[in-house]
Amino acid sequence: MRVKAQPKARRPGIDGTAPGLDGPRLRLAVTAAAADGRANRAVCATLAEALGLAASAVTLLQGATSREKLLRVAGDPASLAPKLKDMA
C-alpha cells in the first residue's frame, strides 16, 4: 500500500488521500520526528491501529527516507479492503 507520511504533525491520524504520480496515496500524519526511523515506525503503527491489526502486521518496504512510502500490510485482503476504502 502506498502512503504519504507527514512527520511532526500537530494531530496524528489518517487524513484522506494525497495525489501521487502513480495514483492516490493514503495520507498519514504522525507526531514523531523523521529521525532514527521514529516516524516510519509511527506510520506503520498508525496504519495497523486503524486497520485493527497488530503493529507487526505493517512493515516498510520502500521509502525509509522519503515522505512517500510503500507499506506491506499482512492480513486477509477481503476483510482489509472495506476498511481501506472507508479511510480514503
Protein backbone atom coordinates (compact mmCIF):
# COMPACT_ATOMS: atom_id res chain seq x y z
CA MET A 1 0.00 0.00 0.00
CA ARG A 2 1.32 3.44 -0.92
CA VAL A 3 1.10 6.20 1.69
CA LYS A 4 2.26 9.78 2.12
CA ALA A 5 3.64 10.45 5.58
CA GLN A 6 3.59 13.76 7.41
CA PRO A 7 6.05 13.67 10.32
CA LYS A 8 5.88 16.17 13.20
CA ALA A 9 2.17 16.80 12.65
CA ARG A 10 0.11 18.57 15.28
CA ARG A 11 -2.60 15.92 15.17
CA PRO A 12 -1.82 12.31 14.29
CA GLY A 13 -4.14 10.18 12.20
CA ILE A 14 -5.38 9.42 8.72
CA ASP A 15 -6.38 12.40 6.62
CA GLY A 16 -7.87 11.06 3.36
CA THR A 17 -5.74 10.73 0.25
CA ALA A 18 -2.97 12.66 -1.44
CA PRO A 19 -2.24 12.67 -5.18
CA GLY A 20 0.80 10.78 -6.43
CA LEU A 21 2.44 10.20 -9.79
CA ASP A 22 1.10 6.65 -10.00
CA GLY A 23 -2.22 7.18 -8.21
CA PRO A 24 -3.60 8.40 -4.91
CA ARG A 25 -1.93 7.61 -1.60
CA LEU A 26 -3.35 7.40 1.89
CA ARG A 27 -2.21 10.44 3.91
CA LEU A 28 -0.91 9.54 7.39
CA ALA A 29 0.10 12.18 9.93
CA VAL A 30 2.29 11.27 12.89
CA THR A 31 3.71 13.39 15.72
CA ALA A 32 7.09 11.62 15.65
CA ALA A 33 10.06 13.34 14.03
CA ALA A 34 11.73 11.81 11.00
CA ALA A 35 14.88 10.87 12.88
CA ASP A 36 16.26 7.41 13.59
CA GLY A 37 13.23 5.78 11.92
CA ARG A 38 10.79 7.01 14.56
CA ALA A 39 8.36 8.45 12.01
CA ASN A 40 8.49 5.24 9.95
CA ARG A 41 7.61 3.14 12.98
CA ALA A 42 4.82 5.57 13.89
CA VAL A 43 3.38 5.42 10.35
CA CYS A 44 3.30 1.62 10.48
CA ALA A 45 1.74 1.63 13.95
CA THR A 46 -0.89 4.22 12.97
CA LEU A 47 -2.00 2.24 9.93
CA ALA A 48 -2.02 -1.04 11.89
CA GLU A 49 -4.15 0.51 14.62
CA ALA A 50 -6.60 1.96 12.09
CA LEU A 51 -6.98 -1.44 10.46
CA GLY A 52 -7.31 -3.27 13.77
CA LEU A 53 -4.11 -5.24 13.24
CA ALA A 54 -1.04 -5.91 15.33
CA ALA A 55 1.77 -3.40 14.81
CA SER A 56 3.94 -6.17 13.35
CA ALA A 57 1.41 -6.70 10.51
CA VAL A 58 2.53 -3.48 8.77
CA THR A 59 6.11 -3.22 7.52
CA LEU A 60 8.00 -0.65 5.47
CA LEU A 61 9.14 -1.88 2.05
CA GLN A 62 10.32 1.35 0.38
CA GLY A 63 10.77 5.00 1.23
CA ALA A 64 12.66 4.95 4.52
CA THR A 65 13.94 8.49 3.90
CA SER A 66 11.03 9.77 1.80
CA ARG A 67 7.56 11.01 2.67
CA GLU A 68 6.10 8.69 0.04
CA LYS A 69 6.31 5.13 1.32
CA LEU A 70 5.34 1.64 0.28
CA LEU A 71 4.00 -0.47 3.15
CA ARG A 72 3.19 -4.16 3.30
CA VAL A 73 0.01 -4.99 5.18
CA ALA A 74 -0.33 -8.62 6.27
CA GLY A 75 -3.87 -9.88 6.60
CA ASP A 76 -6.92 -11.09 4.75
CA PRO A 77 -7.46 -8.86 1.68
CA ALA A 78 -11.22 -9.44 1.73
CA SER A 79 -11.54 -8.07 5.25
CA LEU A 80 -9.00 -5.25 4.81
CA ALA A 81 -10.39 -3.83 1.54
CA PRO A 82 -13.59 -2.32 3.05
CA LYS A 83 -11.61 -0.73 5.89
CA LEU A 84 -9.12 0.82 3.47
CA LYS A 85 -11.92 2.09 1.25
CA ASP A 86 -13.55 3.80 4.26
CA MET A 87 -10.26 5.54 5.10
CA ALA A 88 -9.90 7.04 1.63
